[in-house]
N, C-alpha and C. Protein backbone atom coordinates (compact mmCIF):
# COMPACT_ATOMS: atom_id res chain seq x y z
N MET A 1 0.84 -1.15 -0.05
CA MET A 1 -0.11 -0.04 0.04
C MET A 1 1.01 1.40 0.02
N SER A 2 0.60 2.21 -0.90
CA SER A 2 1.36 3.42 -0.94
C SER A 2 0.67 4.32 -1.69
N ILE A 3 1.04 5.57 -1.56
CA ILE A 3 0.53 6.86 -2.31
C ILE A 3 1.18 6.97 -3.74
N THR A 4 0.41 6.88 -4.71
CA THR A 4 1.01 6.66 -6.04
C THR A 4 1.52 8.09 -6.42
N MET A 5 0.70 9.22 -6.20
CA MET A 5 1.13 10.53 -6.56
C MET A 5 0.27 11.69 -5.85
N ALA A 6 0.84 12.91 -5.77
CA ALA A 6 -0.11 13.96 -5.34
C ALA A 6 -0.88 14.36 -6.33
N HIS A 7 -2.25 14.60 -6.23
CA HIS A 7 -3.05 14.76 -7.41
C HIS A 7 -3.45 16.34 -7.41
N HIS A 8 -4.17 16.60 -6.33
CA HIS A 8 -4.30 18.19 -6.45
C HIS A 8 -4.26 18.89 -4.85
N HIS A 9 -4.38 20.27 -4.91
CA HIS A 9 -4.48 20.91 -3.61
C HIS A 9 -5.89 21.68 -3.58
N GLY A 10 -6.46 21.82 -2.70
CA GLY A 10 -7.86 22.43 -2.73
C GLY A 10 -7.99 23.38 -1.65
N PHE A 11 -8.84 24.26 -2.01
CA PHE A 11 -9.28 25.33 -0.89
C PHE A 11 -10.75 25.49 -1.04
N THR A 12 -11.30 25.70 0.18
CA THR A 12 -12.51 26.13 0.30
C THR A 12 -12.95 27.66 0.07
N VAL A 13 -13.53 28.21 -0.72
CA VAL A 13 -13.85 29.66 -0.98
C VAL A 13 -15.19 30.07 -0.64
N SER A 14 -15.28 31.33 -0.45
CA SER A 14 -16.78 31.84 -0.34
C SER A 14 -17.35 32.12 -1.47
N ASP A 15 -16.88 32.44 -2.56
CA ASP A 15 -17.39 32.81 -4.01
C ASP A 15 -16.62 32.34 -5.16
N LEU A 16 -17.11 31.25 -5.84
CA LEU A 16 -16.29 30.69 -6.78
C LEU A 16 -16.04 31.64 -7.96
N ASP A 17 -16.83 32.56 -8.35
CA ASP A 17 -16.56 33.47 -9.20
C ASP A 17 -15.50 34.47 -8.91
N ALA A 18 -15.56 34.90 -7.76
CA ALA A 18 -14.74 35.92 -7.27
C ALA A 18 -13.06 35.22 -7.12
N SER A 19 -13.00 33.89 -6.78
CA SER A 19 -11.89 32.90 -6.54
C SER A 19 -11.28 32.91 -8.16
N LEU A 20 -12.20 32.63 -9.36
CA LEU A 20 -11.84 32.30 -10.56
C LEU A 20 -11.20 33.59 -11.16
N LYS A 21 -11.41 34.73 -10.97
CA LYS A 21 -11.11 36.20 -11.34
C LYS A 21 -9.51 36.04 -10.77
N PHE A 22 -9.33 35.65 -9.53
CA PHE A 22 -8.00 35.70 -8.96
C PHE A 22 -7.13 34.63 -9.54
N TYR A 23 -7.54 33.14 -9.35
CA TYR A 23 -6.51 32.18 -9.72
C TYR A 23 -6.54 32.01 -11.35
N ARG A 24 -7.62 32.20 -12.22
CA ARG A 24 -7.54 32.04 -13.61
C ARG A 24 -7.16 33.35 -14.23
N ASP A 25 -7.82 34.46 -13.98
CA ASP A 25 -7.73 35.60 -14.55
C ASP A 25 -6.17 36.44 -14.25
N LEU A 26 -6.04 36.38 -13.08
CA LEU A 26 -4.85 37.08 -12.51
C LEU A 26 -3.67 36.23 -12.45
N LEU A 27 -3.86 34.97 -11.95
CA LEU A 27 -2.60 34.22 -11.89
C LEU A 27 -2.15 33.28 -13.04
N GLY A 28 -3.16 33.16 -13.78
CA GLY A 28 -3.11 32.60 -15.10
C GLY A 28 -3.23 30.97 -15.07
N LEU A 29 -3.84 30.32 -14.09
CA LEU A 29 -4.23 28.94 -14.30
C LEU A 29 -5.18 28.62 -15.29
N GLU A 30 -4.91 27.65 -15.88
CA GLU A 30 -6.11 27.23 -16.94
C GLU A 30 -7.41 26.51 -16.26
N LEU A 31 -8.43 27.00 -16.51
CA LEU A 31 -9.80 26.65 -15.89
C LEU A 31 -9.98 25.15 -16.83
N ILE A 32 -10.03 24.05 -16.03
CA ILE A 32 -10.31 22.64 -16.64
C ILE A 32 -11.83 22.58 -16.86
N ARG A 33 -12.50 22.95 -15.63
CA ARG A 33 -14.10 22.74 -15.48
C ARG A 33 -14.45 23.45 -14.40
N VAL A 34 -15.79 23.70 -14.52
CA VAL A 34 -16.60 24.34 -13.33
C VAL A 34 -17.83 23.22 -13.23
N SER A 35 -18.39 22.89 -12.30
CA SER A 35 -19.39 21.81 -12.05
C SER A 35 -20.03 21.85 -10.66
N GLU A 36 -21.22 21.51 -10.80
CA GLU A 36 -22.14 21.57 -9.52
C GLU A 36 -22.32 20.19 -9.00
N ARG A 37 -22.17 19.96 -7.85
CA ARG A 37 -22.35 18.31 -7.32
C ARG A 37 -23.51 18.41 -6.23
N SER A 38 -24.50 17.92 -6.21
CA SER A 38 -25.53 17.96 -5.36
C SER A 38 -26.25 16.60 -5.37
N ASN A 39 -27.00 16.15 -4.30
CA ASN A 39 -27.69 15.01 -4.07
C ASN A 39 -26.97 13.71 -4.40
N ILE A 40 -25.76 13.78 -4.11
CA ILE A 40 -24.87 12.51 -4.36
C ILE A 40 -24.32 11.95 -2.91
N PRO A 41 -25.04 10.78 -2.74
CA PRO A 41 -24.72 10.10 -1.54
C PRO A 41 -23.56 9.98 -1.33
N ALA A 42 -22.50 9.68 -2.05
CA ALA A 42 -20.99 9.42 -1.79
C ALA A 42 -20.53 10.73 -0.97
N TYR A 43 -20.89 12.07 -1.66
CA TYR A 43 -20.56 13.33 -1.10
C TYR A 43 -20.77 13.35 0.27
N ASN A 44 -22.18 13.17 0.60
CA ASN A 44 -22.52 13.12 1.98
C ASN A 44 -21.74 12.37 2.70
N GLN A 45 -21.55 11.13 2.44
CA GLN A 45 -20.79 10.09 3.29
C GLN A 45 -19.37 10.70 3.41
N ILE A 46 -18.68 10.99 2.29
CA ILE A 46 -17.27 11.35 2.57
C ILE A 46 -17.05 12.71 3.14
N LEU A 47 -18.16 13.77 3.02
CA LEU A 47 -17.70 14.91 3.61
C LEU A 47 -18.50 14.98 5.10
N GLY A 48 -19.30 14.11 5.28
CA GLY A 48 -20.11 14.00 6.64
C GLY A 48 -21.02 14.86 6.84
N TYR A 49 -21.80 15.53 5.74
CA TYR A 49 -22.99 16.41 5.77
C TYR A 49 -24.15 15.81 5.07
N GLU A 50 -25.30 16.15 5.35
CA GLU A 50 -26.52 15.75 4.62
C GLU A 50 -26.70 16.73 3.54
N ASP A 51 -27.32 16.38 2.47
CA ASP A 51 -27.64 17.04 1.41
C ASP A 51 -26.69 18.06 0.76
N VAL A 52 -25.50 17.56 0.72
CA VAL A 52 -24.24 18.52 0.23
C VAL A 52 -24.62 19.01 -1.25
N LYS A 53 -24.29 20.29 -1.56
CA LYS A 53 -24.38 20.81 -2.56
C LYS A 53 -23.03 21.94 -2.87
N LEU A 54 -22.18 21.46 -3.71
CA LEU A 54 -20.83 22.24 -3.98
C LEU A 54 -21.07 22.77 -5.44
N LYS A 55 -20.23 23.90 -5.49
CA LYS A 55 -19.83 24.50 -6.78
C LYS A 55 -18.28 24.22 -6.90
N ILE A 56 -17.66 23.44 -7.87
CA ILE A 56 -16.34 23.04 -7.74
C ILE A 56 -15.69 23.64 -9.21
N ALA A 57 -14.39 24.04 -9.09
CA ALA A 57 -13.68 24.55 -10.26
C ALA A 57 -12.45 23.92 -10.16
N LEU A 58 -11.92 23.18 -11.14
CA LEU A 58 -10.66 22.64 -11.20
C LEU A 58 -9.70 23.40 -12.16
N LEU A 59 -8.56 23.81 -11.52
CA LEU A 59 -7.64 24.68 -12.53
C LEU A 59 -6.18 23.79 -12.64
N ARG A 60 -5.62 24.25 -13.72
CA ARG A 60 -4.26 23.55 -13.94
C ARG A 60 -3.26 24.61 -14.32
N HIS A 61 -2.15 24.48 -13.79
CA HIS A 61 -0.96 25.21 -14.32
C HIS A 61 -0.61 24.81 -15.72
N PRO A 62 -0.34 25.76 -16.75
CA PRO A 62 -0.18 25.48 -18.15
C PRO A 62 1.06 24.55 -18.41
N VAL A 63 2.15 24.69 -17.52
CA VAL A 63 3.49 24.05 -17.75
C VAL A 63 3.54 22.74 -16.85
N ASN A 64 3.53 22.96 -15.60
CA ASN A 64 3.94 21.49 -14.84
C ASN A 64 2.57 20.81 -14.44
N GLU A 65 1.50 21.15 -15.04
CA GLU A 65 0.09 20.43 -14.68
C GLU A 65 -0.34 20.38 -13.33
N PHE A 66 0.18 21.11 -12.45
CA PHE A 66 -0.31 21.27 -11.04
C PHE A 66 -1.79 21.59 -10.91
N LEU A 67 -2.49 20.89 -10.27
CA LEU A 67 -4.22 21.13 -10.34
C LEU A 67 -4.46 21.66 -9.12
N LEU A 68 -5.28 22.78 -8.89
CA LEU A 68 -5.79 23.40 -7.79
C LEU A 68 -7.42 23.14 -7.88
N GLU A 69 -7.96 22.77 -6.94
CA GLU A 69 -9.44 22.54 -6.77
C GLU A 69 -10.12 23.77 -5.86
N LEU A 70 -10.97 24.36 -6.38
CA LEU A 70 -11.64 25.37 -5.48
C LEU A 70 -13.12 24.99 -5.40
N ILE A 71 -13.58 24.85 -4.08
CA ILE A 71 -14.97 24.46 -3.81
C ILE A 71 -15.80 25.58 -3.04
N GLN A 72 -16.88 25.94 -3.50
CA GLN A 72 -17.73 26.65 -2.68
C GLN A 72 -18.78 25.81 -2.25
N TYR A 73 -19.16 25.74 -0.86
CA TYR A 73 -20.04 25.10 -0.35
C TYR A 73 -21.40 25.83 -0.54
N VAL A 74 -22.45 25.26 -1.10
CA VAL A 74 -23.76 26.05 -1.11
C VAL A 74 -24.62 25.40 -0.08
N ASN A 75 -24.63 24.00 0.19
CA ASN A 75 -25.26 23.29 1.28
C ASN A 75 -24.34 22.32 1.87
N PRO A 76 -23.90 22.52 3.33
CA PRO A 76 -23.94 23.80 4.09
C PRO A 76 -23.21 24.74 3.44
N PRO A 77 -23.61 25.99 3.88
CA PRO A 77 -22.94 27.22 3.27
C PRO A 77 -21.50 27.47 3.79
N SER A 78 -20.63 27.95 2.74
CA SER A 78 -19.34 28.12 3.24
C SER A 78 -19.32 29.30 4.43
N ALA A 79 -18.46 29.22 5.35
CA ALA A 79 -18.62 29.79 6.50
C ALA A 79 -17.09 30.23 6.76
N PRO A 80 -16.74 31.68 6.95
CA PRO A 80 -15.38 32.36 7.14
C PRO A 80 -14.73 31.74 8.34
N ARG A 81 -13.52 31.74 8.46
CA ARG A 81 -12.75 31.31 9.69
C ARG A 81 -11.52 31.93 9.77
N GLU A 82 -11.02 32.26 10.88
CA GLU A 82 -9.58 32.95 10.79
C GLU A 82 -8.66 32.21 9.95
N ALA A 83 -7.85 32.88 8.93
CA ALA A 83 -7.07 32.18 8.03
C ALA A 83 -5.63 32.47 8.44
N ALA A 84 -5.40 33.12 9.56
CA ALA A 84 -3.86 33.44 9.60
C ALA A 84 -3.06 32.06 9.64
N ASN A 85 -1.73 32.29 9.16
CA ASN A 85 -0.83 31.31 8.93
C ASN A 85 -0.40 30.48 10.05
N HIS A 86 -0.72 31.25 11.31
CA HIS A 86 -0.13 30.39 12.58
C HIS A 86 -1.35 29.39 13.12
N PHE A 87 -2.52 29.54 12.49
CA PHE A 87 -3.22 28.48 13.09
C PHE A 87 -3.07 26.94 12.49
N VAL A 88 -3.26 26.00 13.45
CA VAL A 88 -3.08 24.62 13.18
C VAL A 88 -4.26 24.37 12.03
N GLY A 89 -3.59 23.81 10.81
CA GLY A 89 -4.75 23.47 9.59
C GLY A 89 -4.53 24.43 8.65
N ALA A 90 -3.86 25.67 8.85
CA ALA A 90 -3.90 26.56 7.91
C ALA A 90 -2.94 26.07 6.82
N SER A 91 -3.20 26.58 5.59
CA SER A 91 -2.61 25.97 4.32
C SER A 91 -2.27 27.15 3.47
N HIS A 92 -1.36 26.78 2.36
CA HIS A 92 -1.18 27.91 1.34
C HIS A 92 -0.41 26.96 0.23
N VAL A 93 -0.37 27.53 -0.91
CA VAL A 93 0.18 26.77 -2.32
C VAL A 93 1.07 27.88 -2.38
N ALA A 94 2.31 27.34 -3.00
CA ALA A 94 3.39 28.22 -3.35
C ALA A 94 3.60 28.05 -5.06
N TYR A 95 3.90 28.94 -5.44
CA TYR A 95 4.12 29.27 -6.83
C TYR A 95 5.43 29.96 -7.09
N GLU A 96 6.11 29.29 -7.86
CA GLU A 96 7.56 29.86 -8.41
C GLU A 96 7.15 30.74 -9.48
N VAL A 97 7.80 32.09 -9.35
CA VAL A 97 7.48 33.08 -10.48
C VAL A 97 8.95 33.67 -11.10
N ASP A 98 8.69 34.29 -12.29
CA ASP A 98 9.76 34.71 -12.78
C ASP A 98 10.22 36.21 -12.30
N ASP A 99 9.26 36.93 -11.65
CA ASP A 99 9.52 38.15 -11.08
C ASP A 99 8.54 38.44 -10.10
N VAL A 100 8.89 38.19 -8.71
CA VAL A 100 8.11 38.57 -7.61
C VAL A 100 7.48 40.02 -7.32
N ASP A 101 8.57 40.80 -7.78
CA ASP A 101 8.27 42.14 -7.46
C ASP A 101 7.31 42.58 -8.80
N ALA A 102 7.31 42.18 -9.81
CA ALA A 102 6.17 42.50 -10.81
C ALA A 102 4.92 41.89 -10.37
N HIS A 103 4.68 40.80 -9.93
CA HIS A 103 3.73 40.14 -9.41
C HIS A 103 2.78 40.87 -8.38
N TYR A 104 3.72 41.18 -7.22
CA TYR A 104 3.50 42.11 -6.21
C TYR A 104 2.52 43.33 -6.69
N GLU A 105 3.31 43.93 -7.92
CA GLU A 105 2.67 45.35 -8.35
C GLU A 105 1.26 45.01 -9.15
N SER A 106 1.44 43.84 -9.78
CA SER A 106 0.16 43.60 -10.53
C SER A 106 -1.11 43.15 -9.45
N LEU A 107 -0.60 42.57 -8.52
CA LEU A 107 -1.74 42.07 -7.47
C LEU A 107 -2.28 43.49 -6.90
N ARG A 108 -1.29 44.47 -6.61
CA ARG A 108 -1.93 45.60 -6.04
C ARG A 108 -2.57 46.33 -6.70
N ALA A 109 -2.21 46.44 -8.07
CA ALA A 109 -3.00 47.26 -9.37
C ALA A 109 -4.51 46.67 -9.34
N ALA A 110 -4.39 45.19 -9.13
CA ALA A 110 -5.85 44.69 -9.45
C ALA A 110 -6.68 44.63 -8.05
N GLY A 111 -5.86 45.35 -7.00
CA GLY A 111 -6.69 45.59 -5.83
C GLY A 111 -6.74 44.40 -4.78
N TYR A 112 -5.64 43.64 -4.87
CA TYR A 112 -5.59 42.33 -4.04
C TYR A 112 -4.19 43.03 -2.99
N THR A 113 -4.15 42.37 -2.06
CA THR A 113 -3.35 42.65 -0.76
C THR A 113 -2.27 41.39 -0.78
N SER A 114 -1.25 41.82 0.02
CA SER A 114 -0.24 40.64 0.69
C SER A 114 -0.01 40.89 1.97
N ILE A 115 0.42 39.95 2.69
CA ILE A 115 0.81 40.11 3.98
C ILE A 115 2.02 41.12 4.21
N ASN A 116 2.94 41.02 3.27
CA ASN A 116 4.05 42.05 3.23
C ASN A 116 4.69 42.17 1.81
N PRO A 117 5.34 43.15 1.57
CA PRO A 117 6.14 43.28 0.06
C PRO A 117 7.11 42.20 0.09
N PRO A 118 7.41 41.68 -0.95
CA PRO A 118 8.54 41.03 -1.22
C PRO A 118 9.83 41.21 -0.66
N ALA A 119 10.50 40.18 -0.01
CA ALA A 119 11.59 40.04 0.77
C ALA A 119 12.54 39.01 0.28
N ASP A 120 13.98 39.30 0.53
CA ASP A 120 14.89 38.41 0.16
C ASP A 120 15.00 37.59 1.21
N VAL A 121 15.25 36.00 0.59
CA VAL A 121 15.56 35.03 1.59
C VAL A 121 16.90 34.68 1.70
N ILE A 122 17.78 34.81 2.65
CA ILE A 122 19.08 34.51 2.75
C ILE A 122 19.36 33.27 3.64
N ARG A 123 20.06 32.51 3.09
CA ARG A 123 20.37 31.24 3.63
C ARG A 123 21.94 31.13 3.49
N ASP A 124 22.78 30.77 4.85
CA ASP A 124 24.22 30.61 4.82
C ASP A 124 24.90 31.94 4.07
N GLY A 125 24.49 33.14 4.28
CA GLY A 125 24.78 34.27 3.69
C GLY A 125 24.69 34.65 2.11
N GLU A 126 23.77 33.85 1.52
CA GLU A 126 23.41 33.74 0.13
C GLU A 126 22.13 34.05 -0.03
N ARG A 127 21.69 35.08 -0.92
CA ARG A 127 20.34 35.41 -1.39
C ARG A 127 19.82 34.04 -2.25
N VAL A 128 18.92 33.13 -1.81
CA VAL A 128 18.35 32.05 -2.74
C VAL A 128 17.18 32.37 -3.35
N ALA A 129 16.24 33.36 -2.81
CA ALA A 129 15.00 33.59 -3.36
C ALA A 129 14.56 35.07 -2.89
N ARG A 130 13.61 35.44 -3.48
CA ARG A 130 12.83 36.63 -3.16
C ARG A 130 11.44 36.06 -3.16
N ALA A 131 10.49 36.46 -1.96
CA ALA A 131 9.36 35.85 -1.77
C ALA A 131 8.42 36.79 -1.00
N MET A 132 7.01 36.45 -1.14
CA MET A 132 5.87 37.02 -0.53
C MET A 132 4.57 36.17 -0.33
N TYR A 133 3.97 36.63 0.67
CA TYR A 133 2.40 35.90 0.49
C TYR A 133 1.66 36.87 0.19
N ALA A 134 0.83 36.42 -0.91
CA ALA A 134 -0.22 37.25 -1.60
C ALA A 134 -1.62 36.76 -0.69
N LEU A 135 -2.59 37.44 -0.84
CA LEU A 135 -3.81 36.80 -0.30
C LEU A 135 -4.80 37.07 -1.30
N ASP A 136 -5.64 35.77 -1.32
CA ASP A 136 -6.68 35.72 -2.36
C ASP A 136 -7.98 36.35 -2.00
N PRO A 137 -9.05 36.48 -2.60
CA PRO A 137 -10.31 37.00 -2.16
C PRO A 137 -10.79 36.59 -0.72
N ASP A 138 -10.27 35.54 -0.30
CA ASP A 138 -10.78 34.88 1.09
C ASP A 138 -9.75 35.22 1.96
N GLY A 139 -8.61 35.88 1.72
CA GLY A 139 -7.51 35.80 2.70
C GLY A 139 -6.70 34.64 2.66
N ILE A 140 -6.82 33.75 1.91
CA ILE A 140 -5.98 32.43 1.83
C ILE A 140 -4.47 33.01 1.37
N SER A 141 -3.57 32.53 2.08
CA SER A 141 -2.29 32.83 1.75
C SER A 141 -1.77 31.93 0.48
N ILE A 142 -1.19 32.86 -0.52
CA ILE A 142 -0.66 32.17 -1.80
C ILE A 142 0.90 32.80 -1.76
N GLU A 143 1.81 31.76 -1.82
CA GLU A 143 3.22 32.23 -1.43
C GLU A 143 3.66 32.25 -2.96
N MET A 144 4.45 33.28 -3.15
CA MET A 144 5.05 33.31 -4.63
C MET A 144 6.56 33.66 -4.30
N PHE A 145 7.42 33.06 -5.14
CA PHE A 145 8.83 33.27 -4.81
C PHE A 145 9.61 33.00 -6.27
N GLN A 146 10.77 33.72 -6.03
CA GLN A 146 11.44 33.96 -7.24
C GLN A 146 13.04 33.00 -6.73
N GLU A 147 13.32 32.13 -7.29
CA GLU A 147 14.50 31.34 -7.07
C GLU A 147 15.63 31.82 -7.65
N PHE A 148 16.97 32.08 -6.88
CA PHE A 148 18.09 32.61 -7.12
C PHE A 148 19.08 31.25 -7.00
N GLY A 149 18.85 30.60 -6.29
CA GLY A 149 19.68 29.40 -5.86
C GLY A 149 19.09 28.06 -5.62
N ASP A 150 19.72 27.13 -5.08
CA ASP A 150 19.07 26.03 -4.88
C ASP A 150 18.23 25.94 -3.41
N ILE A 151 16.75 26.74 -3.63
CA ILE A 151 16.09 26.83 -2.45
C ILE A 151 15.75 25.58 -1.66
N VAL A 152 15.38 24.47 -2.47
CA VAL A 152 15.10 23.14 -1.77
C VAL A 152 16.18 22.50 -0.90
N SER A 153 17.42 22.52 -1.10
CA SER A 153 18.47 21.78 -0.28
C SER A 153 19.04 22.81 0.64
N ARG A 154 18.65 24.20 0.71
CA ARG A 154 19.25 25.03 1.64
C ARG A 154 18.26 25.35 2.83
């Protein structure tokens, strides 16, 4: 028994259309499909709710085919919660970008915010990346980093 691969990362969102404007239109992920799921016994059992109704979008990065699933709960309705990074269960997805400062300015121009402006990541006296955490329409952290060295092994 083993995990054969990582398939996708998912976020629960409050408004699927607003999230698509961010992830598809601004970040450039490709929309594979939008679907509605309701009155499916397996979903009720898997999720642990009665009469589950969902709006789901599946997006893909055009180069490495990373998949992102966005889910808006219609029933039970999506409910906000504290989304700060230090809470147990907090999640983020990281995107490597070619120019983190340009992405920061693009997000600001489109009316989105970030936790802080981009900063250099220094390890062992060497600048290995420049990074920031952007916030999507629901305040979910999206890490963006521009790699200058081997960030994984440092």
